[in-house]
Amino acid sequence: MIEIAPPPNARAGALCFADRFRGPPGMANGGFVAGSLAHSTERAVTITLKRPVPLERALRVVARAGGADLYDADLLVASSEDAELELELPAACSLEAAERARSRFFGTTEHPFPGCFVCGSARASGDALRLFTGPLETPDTVAAPWIPEPRMCAEVGGSAERVPAALIWSALDCPGAWSILFSPGIDARAIVLGRITGRVLQLPRVGEAHVVMGLRTGQERRKHYCQTAIFDAQGATCAYAESTWIAVA
């Protein structure tokens, strides 16, 4: 079993997401919500976002067999379920290739949600992840380096050595969106996370270099599909996920 401490925003069956952890304006980042709600560290978990998760408000967490539900008063906003997930991932690119891909991230000048906690270009270093995944030479694939910052990990409930779940799932979130937005022929300008199924194999280490990658895998009308993964510097897989995104513009 992988030991992951509950996030500090969890209080006696409740969650409250500070504005710092926003995705699109006025709503919590989907990956951060997923990592906060993920109820199991022994197997894969599916998080379904039913509607925008509000910020700065106490939300009820109701545990049940095989999962948990998140309520805003009596309105169901998200749920988690036990899942099975085995993915055949592409090999991790090198840190050097990830750095080059990062330099091609167009979100620094054109971004649907520049205030996003994970990939927002308007966020300050140390306050947000600033995970800028850009295209690799492989079609439909993006990458970026990621060095989890000690202070941020501590603020979100991690230890001196291991990254907390909320940040792991955050890093598995937005790179998938950019694998979609960078793909030729995609006319969506803004997409939001609808569902993510993730599995943590080993906790990323605080202060060490990792590679985060996203791979677009398909589309069905307004629904877009992708996979994401976090690798350590030796290319070993730390975590992976598959996600469904919904075009909103």
C-alpha atoms as a PDB file:
ATOM      1  CA  MET A   1       0.000   0.000   0.000  1.00  0.00           C
ATOM      2  CA  ILE A   2       1.224   3.496  -0.868  1.00  0.00           C
ATOM      3  CA  GLU A   3       0.845   5.833   2.088  1.00  0.00           C
ATOM      4  CA  ILE A   4      -0.624   9.205   1.070  1.00  0.00           C
ATOM      5  CA  ALA A   5      -1.680  11.632   3.768  1.00  0.00           C
ATOM      6  CA  PRO A   6      -5.084  13.310   3.407  1.00  0.00           C
ATOM      7  CA  PRO A   7      -4.888  16.868   2.055  1.00  0.00           C
ATOM      8  CA  PRO A   8      -4.959  19.691   4.630  1.00  0.00           C
ATOM      9  CA  ASN A   9      -8.197  20.973   3.056  1.00  0.00           C
ATOM     10  CA  ALA A  10      -9.949  17.785   4.254  1.00  0.00           C
ATOM     11  CA  ARG A  11     -11.710  18.316   7.551  1.00  0.00           C
ATOM     12  CA  ALA A  12     -14.024  15.693   9.099  1.00  0.00           C
ATOM     13  CA  GLY A  13     -15.849  14.643   5.991  1.00  0.00           C
ATOM     14  CA  ALA A  14     -15.517  17.965   4.191  1.00  0.00           C
ATOM     15  CA  LEU A  15     -13.367  19.609   1.541  1.00  0.00           C
ATOM     16  CA  CYS A  16     -12.842  23.300   0.855  1.00  0.00           C
ATOM     17  CA  PHE A  17     -10.873  24.403  -2.195  1.00  0.00           C
ATOM     18  CA  ALA A  18      -9.066  27.717  -1.908  1.00  0.00           C
ATOM     19  CA  ASP A  19      -9.070  30.076  -4.883  1.00  0.00           C
ATOM     20  CA  ARG A  20      -5.379  29.264  -5.307  1.00  0.00           C
ATOM     21  CA  PHE A  21      -6.391  25.837  -6.643  1.00  0.00           C
ATOM     22  CA  ARG A  22      -8.694  27.092  -9.378  1.00  0.00           C
ATOM     23  CA  GLY A  23      -8.830  25.797 -12.936  1.00  0.00           C
ATOM     24  CA  PRO A  24     -11.205  27.803 -15.108  1.00  0.00           C
ATOM     25  CA  PRO A  25     -12.408  30.998 -13.389  1.00  0.00           C
ATOM     26  CA  GLY A  26     -14.638  30.347 -10.413  1.00  0.00           C
ATOM     27  CA  MET A  27     -14.126  26.588 -10.189  1.00  0.00           C
ATOM     28  CA  ALA A  28     -11.580  24.216  -8.666  1.00  0.00           C
ATOM     29  CA  ASN A  29      -8.993  22.533 -10.872  1.00  0.00           C
ATOM     30  CA  GLY A  30     -10.287  19.095 -11.843  1.00  0.00           C
ATOM     31  CA  GLY A  31      -7.043  17.262 -11.155  1.00  0.00           C
ATOM     32  CA  PHE A  32      -6.669  18.847  -7.729  1.00  0.00           C
ATOM     33  CA  VAL A  33     -10.250  17.868  -6.900  1.00  0.00           C
ATOM     34  CA  ALA A  34      -9.562  14.320  -8.119  1.00  0.00           C
ATOM     35  CA  GLY A  35      -6.476  13.942  -5.961  1.00  0.00           C
ATOM     36  CA  SER A  36      -8.313  15.300  -2.926  1.00  0.00           C
ATOM     37  CA  LEU A  37     -11.293  12.974  -3.440  1.00  0.00           C
ATOM     38  CA  ALA A  38      -9.405   9.828  -4.490  1.00  0.00           C
ATOM     39  CA  HIS A  39     -10.359   7.405  -1.733  1.00  0.00           C
ATOM     40  CA  SER A  40      -7.943   4.558  -2.470  1.00  0.00           C
ATOM     41  CA  THR A  41      -4.179   4.304  -2.752  1.00  0.00           C
ATOM     42  CA  GLU A  42      -4.148   0.572  -3.418  1.00  0.00           C
ATOM     43  CA  ARG A  43      -5.801   0.558  -6.834  1.00  0.00           C
ATOM     44  CA  ALA A  44      -6.984   2.796  -9.643  1.00  0.00           C
ATOM     45  CA  VAL A  45      -9.748   5.310  -8.966  1.00  0.00           C
ATOM     46  CA  THR A  46     -12.181   7.027 -11.327  1.00  0.00           C
ATOM     47  CA  ILE A  47     -13.214  10.590 -10.500  1.00  0.00           C
ATOM     48  CA  THR A  48     -16.246  11.972 -12.340  1.00  0.00           C
ATOM     49  CA  LEU A  49     -16.878  15.709 -12.239  1.00  0.00           C
ATOM     50  CA  LYS A  50     -20.644  16.151 -12.446  1.00  0.00           C
ATOM     51  CA  ARG A  51     -20.568  19.955 -12.527  1.00  0.00           C
ATOM     52  CA  PRO A  52     -18.124  22.774 -11.664  1.00  0.00           C
ATOM     53  CA  VAL A  53     -16.702  22.351  -8.171  1.00  0.00           C
ATOM     54  CA  PRO A  54     -16.990  25.680  -6.323  1.00  0.00           C
ATOM     55  CA  LEU A  55     -14.187  27.473  -4.522  1.00  0.00           C
ATOM     56  CA  GLU A  56     -13.958  28.810  -0.991  1.00  0.00           C
ATOM     57  CA  ARG A  57     -16.965  26.825   0.211  1.00  0.00           C
ATOM     58  CA  ALA A  58     -17.276  23.827   2.527  1.00  0.00           C
ATOM     59  CA  LEU A  59     -18.283  20.735   0.539  1.00  0.00           C
ATOM     60  CA  ARG A  60     -19.517  17.485   2.082  1.00  0.00           C
ATOM     61  CA  VAL A  61     -17.699  14.203   1.437  1.00  0.00           C
ATOM     62  CA  VAL A  62     -19.939  11.170   1.856  1.00  0.00           C
ATOM     63  CA  ALA A  63     -18.119   7.836   1.869  1.00  0.00           C
ATOM     64  CA  ARG A  64     -19.844   4.724   0.502  1.00  0.00           C
ATOM     65  CA  ALA A  65     -18.854   1.221  -0.565  1.00  0.00           C
ATOM     66  CA  GLY A  66     -16.296   1.471  -3.353  1.00  0.00           C
ATOM     67  CA  GLY A  67     -16.059   5.237  -3.412  1.00  0.00           C
ATOM     68  CA  ALA A  68     -17.163   8.637  -2.176  1.00  0.00           C
ATOM     69  CA  ASP A  69     -19.425  11.497  -3.249  1.00  0.00           C
ATOM     70  CA  LEU A  70     -18.778  15.238  -3.011  1.00  0.00           C
ATOM     71  CA  TYR A  71     -21.767  17.520  -2.356  1.00  0.00           C
ATOM     72  CA  ASP A  72     -22.274  21.275  -2.465  1.00  0.00           C
ATOM     73  CA  ALA A  73     -25.166  21.398   0.016  1.00  0.00           C
ATOM     74  CA  ASP A  74     -27.469  18.764  -1.529  1.00  0.00           C
ATOM     75  CA  LEU A  75     -26.049  19.048  -5.049  1.00  0.00           C
ATOM     76  CA  LEU A  76     -23.739  16.233  -6.170  1.00  0.00           C
ATOM     77  CA  VAL A  77     -20.667  17.804  -7.810  1.00  0.00           C
ATOM     78  CA  ALA A  78     -18.176  14.904  -8.057  1.00  0.00           C
ATOM     79  CA  SER A  79     -17.790  11.222  -7.227  1.00  0.00           C
ATOM     80  CA  SER A  80     -15.060   8.602  -6.943  1.00  0.00           C
ATOM     81  CA  GLU A  81     -15.250   4.894  -7.747  1.00  0.00           C
ATOM     82  CA  ASP A  82     -12.883   1.941  -7.511  1.00  0.00           C
ATOM     83  CA  ALA A  83     -11.548   1.124 -10.973  1.00  0.00           C
ATOM     84  CA  GLU A  84      -9.172  -1.031 -12.956  1.00  0.00           C
ATOM     85  CA  LEU A  85      -6.586   0.599 -15.207  1.00  0.00           C
ATOM     86  CA  GLU A  86      -3.717  -0.874 -17.174  1.00  0.00           C
ATOM     87  CA  LEU A  87      -2.227   1.324 -19.916  1.00  0.00           C
ATOM     88  CA  GLU A  88       0.430   0.619 -22.510  1.00  0.00           C
ATOM     89  CA  LEU A  89       2.286   3.880 -22.204  1.00  0.00           C
ATOM     90  CA  PRO A  90       4.840   5.266 -24.629  1.00  0.00           C
ATOM     91  CA  ALA A  91       8.386   5.311 -23.316  1.00  0.00           C
ATOM     92  CA  ALA A  92       9.319   8.358 -21.305  1.00  0.00           C
ATOM     93  CA  CYS A  93      11.129  11.035 -23.258  1.00  0.00           C
ATOM     94  CA  SER A  94      14.391  12.441 -21.902  1.00  0.00           C
ATOM     95  CA  LEU A  95      14.492  15.448 -19.619  1.00  0.00           C
ATOM     96  CA  GLU A  96      16.246  17.326 -22.427  1.00  0.00           C
ATOM     97  CA  ALA A  97      13.422  16.526 -24.870  1.00  0.00           C
ATOM     98  CA  ALA A  98      10.877  17.582 -22.259  1.00  0.00           C
ATOM     99  CA  GLU A  99      12.687  20.907 -21.822  1.00  0.00           C
ATOM    100  CA  ARG A 100      12.597  21.505 -25.580  1.00  0.00           C
ATOM    101  CA  ALA A 101       8.896  20.640 -25.670  1.00  0.00           C
ATOM    102  CA  ARG A 102       8.239  23.075 -22.834  1.00  0.00           C
ATOM    103  CA  SER A 103       9.763  25.883 -24.897  1.00  0.00           C
ATOM    104  CA  ARG A 104       7.073  25.261 -27.536  1.00  0.00           C
ATOM    105  CA  PHE A 105       4.144  25.718 -25.126  1.00  0.00           C
ATOM    106  CA  PHE A 106       1.865  28.308 -26.739  1.00  0.00           C
ATOM    107  CA  GLY A 107      -0.109  28.871 -23.544  1.00  0.00           C
ATOM    108  CA  THR A 108       2.335  31.570 -22.494  1.00  0.00           C
ATOM    109  CA  THR A 109       0.745  33.880 -25.093  1.00  0.00           C
ATOM    110  CA  GLU A 110      -2.610  32.202 -25.824  1.00  0.00           C
ATOM    111  CA  HIS A 111      -4.324  30.362 -23.001  1.00  0.00           C
ATOM    112  CA  PRO A 112      -8.035  29.618 -22.388  1.00  0.00           C
ATOM    113  CA  PHE A 113      -7.566  29.667 -18.585  1.00  0.00           C
ATOM    114  CA  PRO A 114      -4.348  31.582 -17.731  1.00  0.00           C
ATOM    115  CA  GLY A 115      -5.127  31.458 -14.010  1.00  0.00           C
ATOM    116  CA  CYS A 116      -5.167  27.638 -13.838  1.00  0.00           C
ATOM    117  CA  PHE A 117      -3.270  26.194 -10.864  1.00  0.00           C
ATOM    118  CA  VAL A 118      -1.610  23.519 -13.012  1.00  0.00           C
ATOM    119  CA  CYS A 119      -0.820  25.116 -16.368  1.00  0.00           C
ATOM    120  CA  GLY A 120      -1.762  28.778 -16.048  1.00  0.00           C
ATOM    121  CA  SER A 121       0.782  31.120 -17.594  1.00  0.00           C
ATOM    122  CA  ALA A 122      -0.421  34.036 -15.453  1.00  0.00           C
ATOM    123  CA  ARG A 123       0.405  32.269 -12.179  1.00  0.00           C
ATOM    124  CA  ALA A 124       3.524  33.067 -10.169  1.00  0.00           C
ATOM    125  CA  SER A 125       6.308  30.584  -9.564  1.00  0.00           C
ATOM    126  CA  GLY A 126       5.876  28.933  -6.166  1.00  0.00           C
ATOM    127  CA  ASP A 127       2.136  29.648  -6.081  1.00  0.00           C
ATOM    128  CA  ALA A 128       1.161  27.173  -8.811  1.00  0.00           C
ATOM    129  CA  LEU A 129       2.668  24.257 -10.729  1.00  0.00           C
ATOM    130  CA  ARG A 130       3.279  26.191 -13.988  1.00  0.00           C
ATOM    131  CA  LEU A 131       3.416  22.848 -15.813  1.00  0.00           C
ATOM    132  CA  PHE A 132       3.843  23.962 -19.428  1.00  0.00           C
ATOM    133  CA  THR A 133       3.624  20.895 -21.680  1.00  0.00           C
ATOM    134  CA  GLY A 134       4.548  21.466 -25.309  1.00  0.00           C
ATOM    135  CA  PRO A 135       4.561  19.176 -28.352  1.00  0.00           C
ATOM    136  CA  LEU A 136       7.146  16.473 -28.950  1.00  0.00           C
ATOM    137  CA  GLU A 137       8.033  15.219 -32.412  1.00  0.00           C
ATOM    138  CA  THR A 138       5.737  12.231 -31.800  1.00  0.00           C
ATOM    139  CA  PRO A 139       2.224  13.141 -33.044  1.00  0.00           C
ATOM    140  CA  ASP A 140      -0.426  14.072 -30.449  1.00  0.00           C
ATOM    141  CA  THR A 141       2.121  13.931 -27.611  1.00  0.00           C
ATOM    142  CA  VAL A 142       3.251  16.667 -25.226  1.00  0.00           C
ATOM    143  CA  ALA A 143       5.777  16.776 -22.420  1.00  0.00           C
ATOM    144  CA  ALA A 144       7.376  18.979 -19.801  1.00  0.00           C
ATOM    145  CA  PRO A 145       9.843  18.561 -16.954  1.00  0.00           C
ATOM    146  CA  TRP A 146       8.490  18.774 -13.413  1.00  0.00           C
ATOM    147  CA  ILE A 147      10.418  19.281 -10.192  1.00  0.00           C
ATOM    148  CA  PRO A 148       7.952  19.155  -7.267  1.00  0.00           C
ATOM    149  CA  GLU A 149       8.747  22.096  -4.992  1.00  0.00           C
ATOM    150  CA  PRO A 150       9.294  21.306  -1.291  1.00  0.00           C
ATOM    151  CA  ARG A 151       7.319  24.262   0.075  1.00  0.00           C
ATOM    152  CA  MET A 152       4.320  23.662  -2.184  1.00  0.00           C
ATOM    153  CA  CYS A 153       4.272  19.951  -1.378  1.00  0.00           C
ATOM    154  CA  ALA A 154       4.327  20.740   2.350  1.00  0.00           C
ATOM    155  CA  GLU A 155       1.521  23.292   1.966  1.00  0.00           C
ATOM    156  CA  VAL A 156      -0.650  20.709   0.210  1.00  0.00           C
ATOM    157  CA  GLY A 157      -0.019  17.962   2.751  1.00  0.00           C
ATOM    158  CA  GLY A 158       3.024  16.113   1.483  1.00  0.00           C
ATOM    159  CA  SER A 159       6.071  14.969   3.386  1.00  0.00           C
ATOM    160  CA  ALA A 160       9.652  16.165   3.115  1.00  0.00           C
ATOM    161  CA  GLU A 161      10.299  13.458   0.511  1.00  0.00           C
ATOM    162  CA  ARG A 162       7.031  12.492  -1.198  1.00  0.00           C
ATOM    163  CA  VAL A 163       4.549  14.463  -3.295  1.00  0.00           C
ATOM    164  CA  PRO A 164       0.926  14.590  -2.012  1.00  0.00           C
ATOM    165  CA  ALA A 165      -1.892  12.989  -3.977  1.00  0.00           C
ATOM    166  CA  ALA A 166      -3.558  16.296  -4.887  1.00  0.00           C
ATOM    167  CA  LEU A 167      -0.427  17.404  -6.752  1.00  0.00           C
ATOM    168  CA  ILE A 168       0.120  14.014  -8.402  1.00  0.00           C
ATOM    169  CA  TRP A 169      -3.404  14.052  -9.843  1.00  0.00           C
ATOM    170  CA  SER A 170      -3.012  17.726 -10.794  1.00  0.00           C
ATOM    171  CA  ALA A 171       0.073  16.835 -12.828  1.00  0.00           C
ATOM    172  CA  LEU A 172      -1.935  14.059 -14.525  1.00  0.00           C
ATOM    173  CA  ASP A 173      -4.655  16.551 -15.470  1.00  0.00           C
ATOM    174  CA  CYS A 174      -3.761  19.490 -17.737  1.00  0.00           C
ATOM    175  CA  PRO A 175      -1.031  17.781 -19.831  1.00  0.00           C
ATOM    176  CA  GLY A 176      -3.839  15.691 -21.295  1.00  0.00           C
ATOM    177  CA  ALA A 177      -5.723  18.824 -22.300  1.00  0.00           C
ATOM    178  CA  TRP A 178      -2.693  20.231 -24.074  1.00  0.00           C
ATOM    179  CA  SER A 179      -2.123  16.982 -25.975  1.00  0.00           C
ATOM    180  CA  ILE A 180      -5.599  17.623 -27.390  1.00  0.00           C
ATOM    181  CA  LEU A 181      -5.262  21.358 -27.991  1.00  0.00           C
ATOM    182  CA  PHE A 182      -1.890  20.960 -29.747  1.00  0.00           C
ATOM    183  CA  SER A 183      -3.163  18.240 -32.099  1.00  0.00           C
ATOM    184  CA  PRO A 184      -3.751  19.227 -35.761  1.00  0.00           C
ATOM    185  CA  GLY A 185      -7.373  19.538 -36.765  1.00  0.00           C
ATOM    186  CA  ILE A 186      -8.729  20.139 -33.258  1.00  0.00           C
ATOM    187  CA  ASP A 187     -11.017  23.166 -33.360  1.00  0.00           C
ATOM    188  CA  ALA A 188     -11.764  23.336 -29.619  1.00  0.00           C
ATOM    189  CA  ARG A 189     -10.297  26.402 -27.955  1.00  0.00           C
ATOM    190  CA  ALA A 190     -11.266  25.517 -24.393  1.00  0.00           C
ATOM    191  CA  ILE A 191     -11.939  22.123 -22.807  1.00  0.00           C
ATOM    192  CA  VAL A 192     -12.724  21.038 -19.252  1.00  0.00           C
ATOM    193  CA  LEU A 193     -12.116  17.760 -17.463  1.00  0.00           C
ATOM    194  CA  GLY A 194     -15.131  15.457 -17.249  1.00  0.00           C
ATOM    195  CA  ARG A 195     -13.649  12.212 -15.944  1.00  0.00           C
ATOM    196  CA  ILE A 196     -10.231  10.897 -14.989  1.00  0.00           C
ATOM    197  CA  THR A 197      -9.156   7.397 -13.990  1.00  0.00           C
ATOM    198  CA  GLY A 198      -5.733   7.327 -12.394  1.00  0.00           C
ATOM    199  CA  ARG A 199      -3.351   4.959 -10.698  1.00  0.00           C
ATOM    200  CA  VAL A 200      -0.334   5.808  -8.532  1.00  0.00           C
ATOM    201  CA  LEU A 201       2.461   3.234  -8.701  1.00  0.00           C
ATOM    202  CA  GLN A 202       5.061   5.110  -6.703  1.00  0.00           C
ATOM    203  CA  LEU A 203       5.098   8.579  -5.190  1.00  0.00           C
ATOM    204  CA  PRO A 204       7.209  11.170  -7.054  1.00  0.00           C
ATOM    205  CA  ARG A 205      10.049  12.508  -4.936  1.00  0.00           C
ATOM    206  CA  VAL A 206      10.082  16.111  -3.779  1.00  0.00           C
ATOM    207  CA  GLY A 207      12.814  18.227  -5.360  1.00  0.00           C
ATOM    208  CA  GLU A 208      13.769  15.663  -8.011  1.00  0.00           C
ATOM    209  CA  ALA A 209      13.322  15.972 -11.770  1.00  0.00           C
ATOM    210  CA  HIS A 210      10.437  14.140 -13.429  1.00  0.00           C
ATOM    211  CA  VAL A 211       8.889  14.083 -16.892  1.00  0.00           C
ATOM    212  CA  VAL A 212       5.157  14.565 -17.392  1.00  0.00           C
ATOM    213  CA  MET A 213       3.651  13.489 -20.722  1.00  0.00           C
ATOM    214  CA  GLY A 214       0.230  13.629 -22.365  1.00  0.00           C
ATOM    215  CA  LEU A 215      -1.067  11.667 -25.357  1.00  0.00           C
ATOM    216  CA  ARG A 216      -4.283  12.375 -27.258  1.00  0.00           C
ATOM    217  CA  THR A 217      -6.082   9.106 -28.023  1.00  0.00           C
ATOM    218  CA  GLY A 218      -9.374  10.021 -29.723  1.00  0.00           C
ATOM    219  CA  GLN A 219     -12.502  12.135 -30.080  1.00  0.00           C
ATOM    220  CA  GLU A 220     -16.273  11.650 -30.128  1.00  0.00           C
ATOM    221  CA  ARG A 221     -18.038  14.914 -30.979  1.00  0.00           C
ATOM    222  CA  ARG A 222     -17.436  17.248 -28.024  1.00  0.00           C
ATOM    223  CA  LYS A 223     -15.654  14.530 -26.014  1.00  0.00           C
ATOM    224  CA  HIS A 224     -11.874  14.211 -26.297  1.00  0.00           C
ATOM    225  CA  TYR A 225      -9.792  11.365 -24.874  1.00  0.00           C
ATOM    226  CA  CYS A 226      -6.188  11.231 -23.685  1.00  0.00           C
ATOM    227  CA  GLN A 227      -3.653   9.528 -21.469  1.00  0.00           C
ATOM    228  CA  THR A 228      -1.112  11.106 -19.138  1.00  0.00           C
ATOM    229  CA  ALA A 229       1.825   9.831 -17.121  1.00  0.00           C
ATOM    230  CA  ILE A 230       4.513  10.942 -14.698  1.00  0.00           C
ATOM    231  CA  PHE A 231       7.980   9.374 -15.005  1.00  0.00           C
ATOM    232  CA  ASP A 232      11.026   9.729 -12.801  1.00  0.00           C
ATOM    233  CA  ALA A 233      14.408  10.749 -14.207  1.00  0.00           C
ATOM    234  CA  GLN A 234      15.283   7.097 -14.898  1.00  0.00           C
ATOM    235  CA  GLY A 235      12.114   6.589 -16.946  1.00  0.00           C
ATOM    236  CA  ALA A 236      10.211   4.543 -14.345  1.00  0.00           C
ATOM    237  CA  THR A 237       6.468   5.222 -14.198  1.00  0.00           C
ATOM    238  CA  CYS A 238       5.233   6.985 -11.057  1.00  0.00           C
ATOM    239  CA  ALA A 239       1.570   7.416 -12.044  1.00  0.00           C
ATOM    240  CA  TYR A 240      -0.694   7.338 -15.073  1.00  0.00           C
ATOM    241  CA  ALA A 241      -4.240   8.188 -16.050  1.00  0.00           C
ATOM    242  CA  GLU A 242      -6.774   8.258 -18.849  1.00  0.00           C
ATOM    243  CA  SER A 243      -9.195  11.144 -19.122  1.00  0.00           C
ATOM    244  CA  THR A 244     -12.255  12.476 -20.903  1.00  0.00           C
ATOM    245  CA  TRP A 245     -12.388  16.183 -21.698  1.00  0.00           C
ATOM    246  CA  ILE A 246     -15.406  18.172 -22.874  1.00  0.00           C
ATOM    247  CA  ALA A 247     -15.152  21.040 -25.372  1.00  0.00           C
ATOM    248  CA  VAL A 248     -16.837  24.209 -24.078  1.00  0.00           C
ATOM    249  CA  ALA A 249     -15.616  26.663 -26.741  1.00  0.00           C
END
